[in-house]
Amino acid sequence: MQRIIDNGSLNPRKRDAWVALGITLCVILVNEVDGIEWMTLIDGSREVPVLVNSKDGKTIDPMKLVWSKVKNGEAVNLADTYAHML
């Protein structure tokens, strides 16, 4: 996945593709770490899947993992993002 980003294969304006990378990271995390579960966040008109850590109540929003960085012109390093989620 990192090669796809590094190659410039993803258009920075294609939000859905970047969000899909965030969701993929979350799917990997759910499968690897106990105590993390999918939930639905309802915030006004926005209804999206998020992860919640049952141990500390922290929420991970897949959209914000990658897309927020791209939108702000920041570099995306999936390994660092994944490590930060742990």
Protein backbone atom coordinates (compact mmCIF):
# COMPACT_ATOMS: atom_id res chain seq x y z
CA MET A 1 0.00 0.00 0.00
CA GLN A 2 2.85 2.35 0.77
CA ARG A 3 4.26 1.82 -2.73
CA ILE A 4 0.96 2.96 -4.22
CA ILE A 5 1.23 6.18 -2.22
CA ASP A 6 4.91 6.67 -2.99
CA ASN A 7 4.36 6.08 -6.73
CA GLY A 8 1.82 8.88 -6.81
CA SER A 9 -0.81 6.49 -8.13
CA LEU A 10 -3.51 8.03 -5.95
CA ASN A 11 -4.83 11.42 -6.89
CA PRO A 12 -4.77 13.72 -3.83
CA ARG A 13 -8.29 14.87 -4.71
CA LYS A 14 -9.80 11.36 -4.60
CA ARG A 15 -10.96 11.31 -0.99
CA ASP A 16 -12.61 7.89 -1.20
CA ALA A 17 -9.39 6.15 -2.21
CA TRP A 18 -7.52 7.70 0.73
CA VAL A 19 -10.31 6.84 3.15
CA ALA A 20 -10.18 3.26 1.86
CA LEU A 21 -6.51 3.11 2.93
CA GLY A 22 -7.50 4.29 6.40
CA ILE A 23 -10.23 1.65 6.60
CA THR A 24 -7.76 -1.01 5.46
CA LEU A 25 -5.37 -0.05 8.27
CA CYS A 26 -8.24 -0.27 10.73
CA VAL A 27 -9.28 -3.72 9.47
CA ILE A 28 -5.71 -4.93 10.02
CA LEU A 29 -5.67 -3.42 13.51
CA VAL A 30 -9.00 -5.04 14.50
CA ASN A 31 -7.69 -8.43 13.40
CA GLU A 32 -4.39 -8.04 15.27
CA VAL A 33 -5.33 -6.34 18.55
CA ASP A 34 -7.81 -7.54 21.17
CA GLY A 35 -10.25 -5.05 22.64
CA ILE A 36 -10.77 -2.93 19.54
CA GLU A 37 -14.21 -2.97 17.98
CA TRP A 38 -16.06 -1.34 15.12
CA MET A 39 -18.83 1.10 16.03
CA THR A 40 -20.84 3.70 14.16
CA LEU A 41 -20.21 7.38 14.85
CA ILE A 42 -23.23 9.58 14.29
CA ASP A 43 -22.27 13.23 14.30
CA GLY A 44 -24.91 15.46 12.79
CA SER A 45 -25.37 14.35 9.19
CA ARG A 46 -22.20 12.25 9.27
CA GLU A 47 -22.59 8.53 9.98
CA VAL A 48 -19.29 6.63 9.66
CA PRO A 49 -17.53 3.53 10.97
CA VAL A 50 -14.93 4.10 13.69
CA LEU A 51 -12.85 1.91 15.95
CA VAL A 52 -13.19 2.09 19.71
CA ASN A 53 -10.65 0.69 22.15
CA SER A 54 -12.66 -0.94 24.93
CA LYS A 55 -9.77 -0.57 27.38
CA ASP A 56 -9.40 3.21 27.27
CA GLY A 57 -12.37 4.39 25.17
CA LYS A 58 -10.19 6.00 22.51
CA THR A 59 -11.78 6.38 19.10
CA ILE A 60 -9.98 5.96 15.78
CA ASP A 61 -11.64 7.53 12.75
CA PRO A 62 -10.43 5.84 9.53
CA MET A 63 -11.14 8.97 7.52
CA LYS A 64 -8.83 11.06 9.65
CA LEU A 65 -5.96 8.56 9.58
CA VAL A 66 -4.92 9.20 6.01
CA TRP A 67 -7.26 11.65 4.31
CA SER A 68 -6.68 14.45 6.83
CA LYS A 69 -2.94 14.26 6.18
CA VAL A 70 -3.37 14.32 2.41
CA LYS A 71 -5.82 17.21 2.62
CA ASN A 72 -3.28 19.20 4.66
CA GLY A 73 -0.44 18.41 2.26
CA GLU A 74 1.39 16.21 4.78
CA ALA A 75 3.33 13.06 3.89
CA VAL A 76 1.58 9.75 4.50
CA ASN A 77 3.57 6.91 6.03
CA LEU A 78 1.28 3.95 6.66
CA ALA A 79 3.75 2.10 8.91
CA ASP A 80 4.04 5.15 11.18
CA THR A 81 0.28 5.65 11.19
CA TYR A 82 -0.29 2.01 12.11
CA ALA A 83 2.31 2.13 14.88
CA HIS A 84 0.69 5.29 16.25
CA MET A 85 -2.70 3.52 16.40
CA LEU A 86 -1.23 0.83 18.62
